[in-house]
């Protein structure tokens, strides 16, 4: 019997009043419905981070262990001025070897019409440099204020299907890459 996949979800901004939190909780809920998947939320706001050094010296042991154990990651990231939040980049930079040959899916969030497309575009080279393998299916939460109510209730049911397709690909990639990591020696 195959062990469950570990797929944590990272909420990529510490800002107050973040609408991306509604999208994150929705993706978390949909992911937790999947058989054979264990998931939980990692909020960069609550992640202990050092700012007085770089590389291996700033690693948070708990976060590094989580990334080492995971089979894939989901990033839910708001687009700020065409880019990603600096705190997310700092959090991601706390690890390196822990990411190698693991799947990552990105959900972009935006108050505007592009749904975080530019944040996804800007994150893809970072994912590659970290050794993560990005899915070709993303989720774009455009006009996030119209998708979720102020209390976080989903107002657009089309996102159930969109997130479903996103998770189908991510879970498939996570299984394939786990098999590769466990059964094929690195070159």
N, C-alpha and C. Protein backbone atom coordinates (compact mmCIF):
# COMPACT_ATOMS: atom_id res chain seq x y z
N UNK A 1 0.83 -1.18 0.00
CA UNK A 1 0.00 0.00 0.00
C UNK A 1 0.88 1.25 0.00
N UNK A 2 0.58 2.18 -0.89
CA UNK A 2 1.36 3.39 -1.02
C UNK A 2 1.10 4.35 0.14
N UNK A 3 2.18 4.92 0.66
CA UNK A 3 2.00 5.90 1.74
C UNK A 3 1.41 7.19 1.18
N UNK A 4 0.72 7.92 2.04
CA UNK A 4 0.09 9.17 1.64
C UNK A 4 1.11 10.17 1.13
N UNK A 5 0.69 10.98 0.18
CA UNK A 5 1.50 12.10 -0.28
C UNK A 5 1.41 13.22 0.74
N UNK A 6 2.50 13.90 0.96
CA UNK A 6 2.52 15.08 1.82
C UNK A 6 2.61 16.31 0.93
N UNK A 7 1.55 17.14 0.98
CA UNK A 7 1.49 18.33 0.13
C UNK A 7 1.07 19.53 0.97
N UNK A 8 2.02 20.20 1.62
CA UNK A 8 1.69 21.41 2.37
C UNK A 8 1.37 22.57 1.43
N UNK A 9 0.59 23.49 1.95
CA UNK A 9 0.19 24.68 1.20
C UNK A 9 0.79 25.89 1.89
N UNK A 10 1.53 26.69 1.13
CA UNK A 10 2.19 27.87 1.69
C UNK A 10 1.42 29.12 1.29
N UNK A 11 0.94 29.85 2.28
CA UNK A 11 0.32 31.16 2.06
C UNK A 11 1.46 32.17 2.02
N UNK A 12 1.67 32.78 0.86
CA UNK A 12 2.88 33.52 0.58
C UNK A 12 2.96 34.98 0.97
N UNK A 13 2.10 35.47 1.84
CA UNK A 13 2.22 36.87 2.25
C UNK A 13 1.87 37.04 3.72
N UNK A 14 2.59 37.91 4.40
CA UNK A 14 2.27 38.18 5.80
C UNK A 14 1.34 39.40 5.99
N UNK A 15 0.95 40.05 4.91
CA UNK A 15 0.21 41.31 5.03
C UNK A 15 -1.13 41.15 5.76
N UNK A 16 -1.51 42.20 6.45
CA UNK A 16 -2.82 42.28 7.08
C UNK A 16 -3.87 42.46 5.98
N UNK A 17 -5.08 41.93 6.20
CA UNK A 17 -6.18 42.09 5.26
C UNK A 17 -5.99 41.36 3.95
N UNK A 18 -5.15 40.37 3.93
CA UNK A 18 -4.81 39.63 2.71
C UNK A 18 -6.01 38.81 2.20
N UNK A 19 -6.44 39.08 0.99
CA UNK A 19 -7.52 38.33 0.35
C UNK A 19 -7.04 36.95 -0.09
N UNK A 20 -5.75 36.79 -0.23
CA UNK A 20 -5.20 35.49 -0.63
C UNK A 20 -5.45 34.43 0.44
N UNK A 21 -5.74 34.85 1.65
CA UNK A 21 -6.04 33.88 2.70
C UNK A 21 -7.32 33.10 2.37
N UNK A 22 -8.32 33.76 1.78
CA UNK A 22 -9.55 33.06 1.39
C UNK A 22 -9.23 32.00 0.33
N UNK A 23 -8.43 32.37 -0.66
CA UNK A 23 -8.05 31.41 -1.70
C UNK A 23 -7.26 30.25 -1.11
N UNK A 24 -6.37 30.55 -0.19
CA UNK A 24 -5.56 29.52 0.45
C UNK A 24 -6.43 28.53 1.21
N UNK A 25 -7.35 29.03 1.99
CA UNK A 25 -8.23 28.14 2.77
C UNK A 25 -9.09 27.28 1.85
N UNK A 26 -9.53 27.85 0.72
CA UNK A 26 -10.30 27.07 -0.25
C UNK A 26 -9.44 25.95 -0.86
N UNK A 27 -8.22 26.28 -1.27
CA UNK A 27 -7.33 25.27 -1.84
C UNK A 27 -6.99 24.21 -0.80
N UNK A 28 -6.79 24.62 0.44
CA UNK A 28 -6.53 23.68 1.53
C UNK A 28 -7.70 22.72 1.72
N UNK A 29 -8.90 23.26 1.71
CA UNK A 29 -10.11 22.44 1.87
C UNK A 29 -10.24 21.43 0.73
N UNK A 30 -10.01 21.88 -0.50
CA UNK A 30 -10.12 20.98 -1.65
C UNK A 30 -9.02 19.91 -1.63
N UNK A 31 -7.82 20.29 -1.23
CA UNK A 31 -6.71 19.34 -1.16
C UNK A 31 -6.96 18.30 -0.08
N UNK A 32 -7.51 18.72 1.04
CA UNK A 32 -7.75 17.79 2.15
C UNK A 32 -8.83 16.76 1.82
N UNK A 33 -9.62 16.99 0.79
CA UNK A 33 -10.64 16.03 0.36
C UNK A 33 -10.05 14.89 -0.46
N UNK A 34 -8.82 15.04 -0.91
CA UNK A 34 -8.21 14.04 -1.78
C UNK A 34 -7.72 12.84 -0.98
N UNK A 35 -8.13 11.66 -1.42
CA UNK A 35 -7.68 10.42 -0.79
C UNK A 35 -6.18 10.27 -1.01
N UNK A 36 -5.48 9.82 0.01
CA UNK A 36 -4.06 9.57 -0.10
C UNK A 36 -3.19 10.80 -0.01
N UNK A 37 -3.77 11.93 0.43
CA UNK A 37 -3.03 13.17 0.53
C UNK A 37 -3.15 13.73 1.93
N UNK A 38 -2.01 14.09 2.51
CA UNK A 38 -1.98 14.82 3.78
C UNK A 38 -1.56 16.24 3.48
N UNK A 39 -2.26 17.20 4.05
CA UNK A 39 -1.93 18.59 3.79
C UNK A 39 -2.15 19.42 5.04
N UNK A 40 -1.50 20.55 5.06
CA UNK A 40 -1.74 21.54 6.10
C UNK A 40 -1.19 22.88 5.63
N UNK A 41 -1.57 23.90 6.34
CA UNK A 41 -1.21 25.27 5.98
C UNK A 41 0.11 25.69 6.61
N UNK A 42 0.96 26.31 5.80
CA UNK A 42 2.17 26.98 6.27
C UNK A 42 1.98 28.45 5.93
N UNK A 43 1.87 29.27 6.94
CA UNK A 43 1.64 30.70 6.76
C UNK A 43 2.97 31.42 6.97
N UNK A 44 3.46 32.14 5.94
CA UNK A 44 4.75 32.82 6.10
C UNK A 44 4.71 33.82 7.25
N UNK A 45 3.54 34.28 7.60
CA UNK A 45 3.40 35.20 8.73
C UNK A 45 3.82 34.54 10.04
N UNK A 46 3.63 33.24 10.14
CA UNK A 46 3.93 32.51 11.37
C UNK A 46 5.23 31.72 11.31
N UNK A 47 5.91 31.77 10.20
CA UNK A 47 7.14 31.01 10.01
C UNK A 47 8.31 31.77 10.63
N UNK A 48 9.00 31.17 11.61
CA UNK A 48 10.16 31.85 12.19
C UNK A 48 11.28 31.98 11.15
N UNK A 49 11.69 33.21 10.91
CA UNK A 49 12.74 33.45 9.92
C UNK A 49 13.81 34.35 10.50
N UNK A 50 15.06 34.01 10.19
CA UNK A 50 16.19 34.85 10.57
C UNK A 50 16.52 35.77 9.41
N UNK A 51 16.99 36.96 9.74
CA UNK A 51 17.36 37.94 8.73
C UNK A 51 18.80 38.42 8.89
N UNK A 52 19.56 37.72 9.73
CA UNK A 52 20.91 38.18 10.03
C UNK A 52 22.01 37.38 9.34
N UNK A 53 21.61 36.50 8.40
CA UNK A 53 22.59 35.69 7.70
C UNK A 53 21.96 35.21 6.41
N UNK A 54 22.53 34.19 5.78
CA UNK A 54 22.01 33.66 4.53
C UNK A 54 22.29 32.17 4.43
N UNK A 55 21.63 31.52 3.46
CA UNK A 55 21.88 30.12 3.17
C UNK A 55 21.55 29.19 4.33
N UNK A 56 22.41 28.21 4.51
CA UNK A 56 22.19 27.18 5.54
C UNK A 56 22.04 27.77 6.94
N UNK A 57 22.63 28.93 7.17
CA UNK A 57 22.59 29.52 8.51
C UNK A 57 21.20 30.04 8.89
N UNK A 58 20.33 30.31 7.92
CA UNK A 58 19.01 30.85 8.25
C UNK A 58 17.91 29.79 8.25
N UNK A 59 18.28 28.54 8.04
CA UNK A 59 17.27 27.48 8.00
C UNK A 59 16.50 27.40 9.30
N UNK A 60 15.20 27.21 9.16
CA UNK A 60 14.36 26.90 10.30
C UNK A 60 14.22 25.38 10.32
N UNK A 61 14.64 24.70 11.38
CA UNK A 61 14.66 23.24 11.39
C UNK A 61 13.29 22.59 11.13
N UNK A 62 12.23 23.17 11.69
CA UNK A 62 10.90 22.59 11.49
C UNK A 62 10.44 22.74 10.04
N UNK A 63 10.66 23.92 9.46
CA UNK A 63 10.26 24.14 8.08
C UNK A 63 11.10 23.27 7.14
N UNK A 64 12.39 23.16 7.40
CA UNK A 64 13.25 22.31 6.57
C UNK A 64 12.82 20.84 6.64
N UNK A 65 12.46 20.38 7.82
CA UNK A 65 11.99 18.99 7.96
C UNK A 65 10.68 18.78 7.20
N UNK A 66 9.80 19.76 7.24
CA UNK A 66 8.54 19.68 6.52
C UNK A 66 8.78 19.58 5.02
N UNK A 67 9.67 20.43 4.50
CA UNK A 67 9.97 20.42 3.07
C UNK A 67 10.67 19.12 2.69
N UNK A 68 11.57 18.65 3.53
CA UNK A 68 12.27 17.38 3.25
C UNK A 68 11.27 16.23 3.13
N UNK A 69 10.26 16.22 3.99
CA UNK A 69 9.27 15.14 4.03
C UNK A 69 8.24 15.24 2.91
N UNK A 70 7.98 16.44 2.43
CA UNK A 70 6.88 16.62 1.48
C UNK A 70 7.20 16.01 0.11
N UNK A 71 6.11 15.74 -0.62
CA UNK A 71 6.22 15.24 -1.98
C UNK A 71 5.95 16.33 -3.00
N UNK A 72 5.27 17.37 -2.56
CA UNK A 72 4.94 18.51 -3.41
C UNK A 72 4.60 19.69 -2.52
N UNK A 73 4.59 20.85 -3.12
CA UNK A 73 4.16 22.07 -2.43
C UNK A 73 3.12 22.78 -3.28
N UNK A 74 2.22 23.47 -2.60
CA UNK A 74 1.31 24.38 -3.28
C UNK A 74 1.61 25.77 -2.72
N UNK A 75 1.86 26.71 -3.61
CA UNK A 75 2.08 28.09 -3.21
C UNK A 75 0.85 28.90 -3.61
N UNK A 76 0.27 29.62 -2.67
CA UNK A 76 -0.81 30.55 -2.97
C UNK A 76 -0.24 31.94 -2.72
N UNK A 77 -0.09 32.70 -3.82
CA UNK A 77 0.72 33.91 -3.77
C UNK A 77 -0.01 35.08 -4.42
N UNK A 78 -0.16 36.17 -3.67
CA UNK A 78 -0.72 37.36 -4.29
C UNK A 78 0.32 38.07 -5.15
N UNK A 79 -0.19 38.76 -6.16
CA UNK A 79 0.69 39.56 -7.00
C UNK A 79 0.74 40.98 -6.45
N UNK A 80 1.93 41.43 -6.10
CA UNK A 80 2.14 42.78 -5.62
C UNK A 80 3.04 43.50 -6.62
N UNK A 81 2.52 44.49 -7.30
CA UNK A 81 3.31 45.28 -8.25
C UNK A 81 4.05 44.41 -9.26
N UNK A 82 3.34 43.46 -9.81
CA UNK A 82 3.83 42.52 -10.83
C UNK A 82 4.79 41.47 -10.29
N UNK A 83 4.95 41.35 -9.00
CA UNK A 83 5.91 40.40 -8.45
C UNK A 83 5.36 39.64 -7.26
N UNK A 84 6.25 38.90 -6.63
CA UNK A 84 5.89 38.09 -5.47
C UNK A 84 6.39 38.76 -4.20
N UNK A 85 5.77 38.44 -3.06
CA UNK A 85 6.19 39.03 -1.79
C UNK A 85 7.61 38.61 -1.40
N UNK A 86 8.37 39.56 -0.91
CA UNK A 86 9.75 39.29 -0.49
C UNK A 86 9.83 38.29 0.64
N UNK A 87 8.85 38.29 1.53
CA UNK A 87 8.88 37.33 2.65
C UNK A 87 8.76 35.89 2.14
N UNK A 88 7.98 35.68 1.08
CA UNK A 88 7.89 34.34 0.49
C UNK A 88 9.24 33.93 -0.06
N UNK A 89 9.89 34.82 -0.77
CA UNK A 89 11.21 34.49 -1.35
C UNK A 89 12.20 34.17 -0.25
N UNK A 90 12.19 34.94 0.82
CA UNK A 90 13.09 34.67 1.94
C UNK A 90 12.80 33.31 2.55
N UNK A 91 11.52 32.99 2.73
CA UNK A 91 11.13 31.69 3.29
C UNK A 91 11.59 30.55 2.37
N UNK A 92 11.37 30.70 1.08
CA UNK A 92 11.79 29.65 0.14
C UNK A 92 13.30 29.47 0.14
N UNK A 93 14.03 30.58 0.28
CA UNK A 93 15.50 30.52 0.25
C UNK A 93 16.10 29.85 1.48
N UNK A 94 15.28 29.54 2.47
CA UNK A 94 15.81 28.85 3.67
C UNK A 94 16.16 27.40 3.39
N UNK A 95 15.76 26.88 2.24
CA UNK A 95 16.04 25.49 1.89
C UNK A 95 16.61 25.44 0.47
N UNK A 96 17.20 24.31 0.15
CA UNK A 96 17.64 24.08 -1.23
C UNK A 96 17.57 22.59 -1.55
N UNK A 97 18.44 21.80 -0.97
CA UNK A 97 18.45 20.37 -1.32
C UNK A 97 17.12 19.69 -0.99
N UNK A 98 16.37 20.24 -0.06
CA UNK A 98 15.09 19.66 0.34
C UNK A 98 14.04 19.71 -0.78
N UNK A 99 14.23 20.61 -1.76
CA UNK A 99 13.25 20.78 -2.83
C UNK A 99 13.49 19.89 -4.05
N UNK A 100 14.68 19.37 -4.19
CA UNK A 100 15.10 18.75 -5.44
C UNK A 100 14.15 17.64 -5.87
N UNK A 101 13.69 17.76 -7.14
CA UNK A 101 12.82 16.79 -7.80
C UNK A 101 11.48 16.59 -7.09
N UNK A 102 10.92 17.68 -6.60
CA UNK A 102 9.58 17.65 -6.01
C UNK A 102 8.69 18.58 -6.81
N UNK A 103 7.41 18.23 -6.86
CA UNK A 103 6.44 19.02 -7.64
C UNK A 103 6.02 20.26 -6.87
N UNK A 104 5.67 21.30 -7.65
CA UNK A 104 5.12 22.52 -7.06
C UNK A 104 4.01 23.03 -7.98
N UNK A 105 2.91 23.42 -7.36
CA UNK A 105 1.83 24.06 -8.08
C UNK A 105 1.64 25.46 -7.52
N UNK A 106 1.35 26.41 -8.39
CA UNK A 106 1.24 27.80 -7.96
C UNK A 106 -0.15 28.34 -8.25
N UNK A 107 -0.72 28.98 -7.25
CA UNK A 107 -2.00 29.68 -7.39
C UNK A 107 -1.71 31.16 -7.25
N UNK A 108 -2.01 31.92 -8.29
CA UNK A 108 -1.82 33.36 -8.25
C UNK A 108 -3.11 34.04 -7.83
N UNK A 109 -2.98 35.09 -7.05
CA UNK A 109 -4.13 35.83 -6.55
C UNK A 109 -3.95 37.30 -6.88
N UNK A 110 -5.02 37.92 -7.38
CA UNK A 110 -4.94 39.33 -7.72
C UNK A 110 -6.29 40.01 -7.54
N UNK A 111 -6.25 41.26 -7.16
CA UNK A 111 -7.47 42.07 -7.10
C UNK A 111 -7.90 42.48 -8.51
N UNK A 112 -7.02 42.36 -9.46
CA UNK A 112 -7.29 42.76 -10.84
C UNK A 112 -7.63 41.59 -11.74
N UNK A 113 -7.66 41.89 -13.02
CA UNK A 113 -8.15 40.94 -14.02
C UNK A 113 -7.18 39.83 -14.40
N UNK A 114 -5.90 39.98 -14.08
CA UNK A 114 -4.93 38.99 -14.54
C UNK A 114 -4.75 37.81 -13.59
N UNK A 115 -5.32 37.85 -12.42
CA UNK A 115 -5.33 36.71 -11.51
C UNK A 115 -3.98 36.24 -11.05
N UNK A 116 -3.04 37.13 -10.93
CA UNK A 116 -1.74 36.72 -10.45
C UNK A 116 -0.89 36.05 -11.51
N UNK A 117 -1.26 36.21 -12.80
CA UNK A 117 -0.49 35.57 -13.87
C UNK A 117 0.97 36.01 -13.85
N UNK A 118 1.20 37.29 -13.54
CA UNK A 118 2.58 37.79 -13.54
C UNK A 118 3.37 37.26 -12.35
N UNK A 119 2.71 37.05 -11.22
CA UNK A 119 3.44 36.49 -10.08
C UNK A 119 3.85 35.04 -10.39
N UNK A 120 2.96 34.31 -11.05
CA UNK A 120 3.30 32.93 -11.44
C UNK A 120 4.47 32.95 -12.41
N UNK A 121 4.38 33.82 -13.41
CA UNK A 121 5.45 33.94 -14.40
C UNK A 121 6.79 34.27 -13.74
N UNK A 122 6.76 35.16 -12.75
CA UNK A 122 8.00 35.56 -12.06
C UNK A 122 8.52 34.48 -11.12
N UNK A 123 7.64 33.65 -10.62
CA UNK A 123 8.08 32.59 -9.70
C UNK A 123 8.65 31.37 -10.43
N UNK A 124 8.27 31.14 -11.67
CA UNK A 124 8.72 29.92 -12.36
C UNK A 124 10.25 29.79 -12.44
N UNK A 125 11.02 30.82 -12.78
CA UNK A 125 12.47 30.66 -12.76
C UNK A 125 13.02 30.37 -11.37
N UNK A 126 12.39 30.92 -10.34
CA UNK A 126 12.81 30.66 -8.96
C UNK A 126 12.57 29.19 -8.62
N UNK A 127 11.41 28.66 -9.02
CA UNK A 127 11.10 27.25 -8.74
C UNK A 127 12.14 26.35 -9.41
N UNK A 128 12.46 26.66 -10.64
CA UNK A 128 13.44 25.86 -11.36
C UNK A 128 14.81 25.91 -10.67
N UNK A 129 15.23 27.09 -10.26
CA UNK A 129 16.52 27.24 -9.59
C UNK A 129 16.56 26.46 -8.27
N UNK A 130 15.42 26.38 -7.58
CA UNK A 130 15.35 25.64 -6.33
C UNK A 130 15.30 24.12 -6.55
N UNK A 131 15.08 23.69 -7.79
CA UNK A 131 15.02 22.25 -8.08
C UNK A 131 13.62 21.69 -8.07
N UNK A 132 12.62 22.56 -7.93
CA UNK A 132 11.23 22.13 -7.95
C UNK A 132 10.75 21.98 -9.39
N UNK A 133 9.77 21.11 -9.60
CA UNK A 133 9.21 20.88 -10.92
C UNK A 133 7.79 21.44 -10.92
N UNK A 134 7.59 22.50 -11.68
CA UNK A 134 6.29 23.19 -11.68
C UNK A 134 5.29 22.51 -12.60
N UNK A 135 4.06 22.46 -12.14
CA UNK A 135 2.98 21.95 -12.98
C UNK A 135 2.74 22.93 -14.13
N UNK A 136 2.12 22.43 -15.19
CA UNK A 136 1.74 23.32 -16.28
C UNK A 136 0.36 23.92 -16.03
N UNK A 137 -0.36 23.37 -15.08
CA UNK A 137 -1.68 23.88 -14.71
C UNK A 137 -1.55 24.74 -13.47
N UNK A 138 -1.97 25.98 -13.57
CA UNK A 138 -1.97 26.91 -12.43
C UNK A 138 -3.42 27.27 -12.14
N UNK A 139 -3.64 27.94 -11.04
CA UNK A 139 -4.95 28.51 -10.75
C UNK A 139 -4.77 30.01 -10.60
N UNK A 140 -5.57 30.75 -11.32
CA UNK A 140 -5.52 32.21 -11.26
C UNK A 140 -6.81 32.71 -10.61
N UNK A 141 -6.67 33.27 -9.43
CA UNK A 141 -7.81 33.86 -8.73
C UNK A 141 -7.86 35.34 -9.09
N UNK A 142 -8.47 35.65 -10.25
CA UNK A 142 -8.62 37.03 -10.71
C UNK A 142 -9.75 37.71 -9.94
N UNK A 143 -9.64 39.02 -9.76
CA UNK A 143 -10.70 39.75 -9.07
C UNK A 143 -11.15 39.02 -7.82
N UNK A 144 -10.20 38.70 -6.97
CA UNK A 144 -10.44 37.84 -5.81
C UNK A 144 -11.59 38.34 -4.94
N UNK A 145 -11.83 39.63 -4.92
CA UNK A 145 -12.93 40.18 -4.13
C UNK A 145 -14.30 39.78 -4.64
N UNK A 146 -14.37 39.30 -5.89
CA UNK A 146 -15.63 38.83 -6.46
C UNK A 146 -15.76 37.31 -6.37
N UNK A 147 -14.68 36.63 -6.06
CA UNK A 147 -14.69 35.16 -5.98
C UNK A 147 -15.06 34.70 -4.58
N UNK A 148 -14.64 35.48 -3.58
CA UNK A 148 -14.91 35.14 -2.18
C UNK A 148 -15.60 36.30 -1.49
N UNK A 149 -16.52 35.97 -0.59
CA UNK A 149 -17.14 37.01 0.22
C UNK A 149 -16.13 37.51 1.24
N UNK A 150 -16.49 38.56 1.96
CA UNK A 150 -15.61 39.09 2.99
C UNK A 150 -15.30 38.07 4.07
N UNK A 151 -16.21 37.11 4.27
CA UNK A 151 -16.00 36.07 5.28
C UNK A 151 -15.29 34.84 4.71
N UNK A 152 -14.98 34.85 3.40
CA UNK A 152 -14.24 33.74 2.81
C UNK A 152 -15.09 32.72 2.09
N UNK A 153 -16.38 32.94 1.98
CA UNK A 153 -17.26 32.00 1.29
C UNK A 153 -17.02 32.08 -0.22
N UNK A 154 -16.90 30.92 -0.87
CA UNK A 154 -16.70 30.87 -2.31
C UNK A 154 -17.96 31.34 -3.02
N UNK A 155 -17.82 32.31 -3.92
CA UNK A 155 -18.96 32.86 -4.66
C UNK A 155 -19.00 32.39 -6.11
N UNK A 156 -17.94 31.77 -6.58
CA UNK A 156 -17.85 31.32 -7.97
C UNK A 156 -17.53 29.83 -7.99
N UNK A 157 -18.54 29.01 -8.20
CA UNK A 157 -18.38 27.56 -8.17
C UNK A 157 -17.47 26.99 -9.23
N UNK A 158 -17.15 27.76 -10.26
CA UNK A 158 -16.24 27.27 -11.31
C UNK A 158 -14.87 26.93 -10.75
N UNK A 159 -14.52 27.53 -9.62
CA UNK A 159 -13.20 27.29 -9.04
C UNK A 159 -13.06 25.90 -8.44
N UNK A 160 -14.16 25.24 -8.15
CA UNK A 160 -14.08 23.85 -7.67
C UNK A 160 -13.46 22.98 -8.77
N UNK A 161 -13.93 23.15 -10.00
CA UNK A 161 -13.38 22.39 -11.12
C UNK A 161 -11.96 22.80 -11.48
N UNK A 162 -11.69 24.10 -11.44
CA UNK A 162 -10.34 24.58 -11.77
C UNK A 162 -9.31 24.06 -10.79
N UNK A 163 -9.63 24.13 -9.51
CA UNK A 163 -8.71 23.61 -8.50
C UNK A 163 -8.63 22.10 -8.61
N UNK A 164 -9.72 21.45 -8.96
CA UNK A 164 -9.70 19.99 -9.14
C UNK A 164 -8.71 19.56 -10.21
N UNK A 165 -8.73 20.23 -11.37
CA UNK A 165 -7.78 19.91 -12.45
C UNK A 165 -6.35 20.19 -12.03
N UNK A 166 -6.16 21.30 -11.35
CA UNK A 166 -4.85 21.67 -10.82
C UNK A 166 -4.33 20.57 -9.89
N UNK A 167 -5.17 20.10 -8.97
CA UNK A 167 -4.75 19.06 -8.02
C UNK A 167 -4.52 17.72 -8.71
N UNK A 168 -5.33 17.40 -9.72
CA UNK A 168 -5.10 16.16 -10.47
C UNK A 168 -3.69 16.10 -11.02
N UNK A 169 -3.26 17.18 -11.67
CA UNK A 169 -1.92 17.21 -12.24
C UNK A 169 -0.84 17.20 -11.16
N UNK A 170 -1.02 18.01 -10.13
CA UNK A 170 -0.02 18.09 -9.07
C UNK A 170 0.15 16.74 -8.37
N UNK A 171 -0.93 16.07 -8.07
CA UNK A 171 -0.86 14.77 -7.40
C UNK A 171 -0.20 13.73 -8.30
N UNK A 172 -0.53 13.74 -9.58
CA UNK A 172 0.12 12.82 -10.52
C UNK A 172 1.63 13.07 -10.54
N UNK A 173 2.01 14.35 -10.68
CA UNK A 173 3.44 14.68 -10.71
C UNK A 173 4.13 14.30 -9.40
N UNK A 174 3.47 14.53 -8.28
CA UNK A 174 4.06 14.19 -6.99
C UNK A 174 4.33 12.69 -6.90
N UNK A 175 3.39 11.88 -7.39
CA UNK A 175 3.59 10.41 -7.36
C UNK A 175 4.73 9.99 -8.28
N UNK A 176 4.76 10.53 -9.48
CA UNK A 176 5.80 10.18 -10.44
C UNK A 176 7.18 10.58 -9.93
N UNK A 177 7.28 11.79 -9.41
CA UNK A 177 8.57 12.26 -8.91
C UNK A 177 9.00 11.50 -7.66
N UNK A 178 8.05 11.14 -6.80
CA UNK A 178 8.40 10.32 -5.63
C UNK A 178 8.96 8.98 -6.09
N UNK A 179 8.30 8.37 -7.05
CA UNK A 179 8.78 7.08 -7.59
C UNK A 179 10.20 7.25 -8.12
N UNK A 180 10.43 8.31 -8.86
CA UNK A 180 11.78 8.56 -9.39
C UNK A 180 12.81 8.76 -8.31
N UNK A 181 12.47 9.56 -7.29
CA UNK A 181 13.43 9.79 -6.19
C UNK A 181 13.75 8.50 -5.46
N UNK A 182 12.75 7.63 -5.31
CA UNK A 182 12.93 6.39 -4.54
C UNK A 182 13.56 5.26 -5.34
N UNK A 183 13.47 5.31 -6.69
CA UNK A 183 13.86 4.15 -7.48
C UNK A 183 14.92 4.41 -8.54
N UNK A 184 15.30 5.65 -8.71
CA UNK A 184 16.28 5.97 -9.76
C UNK A 184 17.41 6.78 -9.14
N UNK A 185 18.62 6.30 -9.32
CA UNK A 185 19.79 7.02 -8.78
C UNK A 185 19.98 8.32 -9.57
N UNK A 186 20.31 9.40 -8.86
CA UNK A 186 20.57 10.67 -9.57
C UNK A 186 21.78 10.53 -10.48
N UNK A 187 21.77 11.28 -11.55
CA UNK A 187 22.87 11.24 -12.53
C UNK A 187 24.02 12.08 -12.03
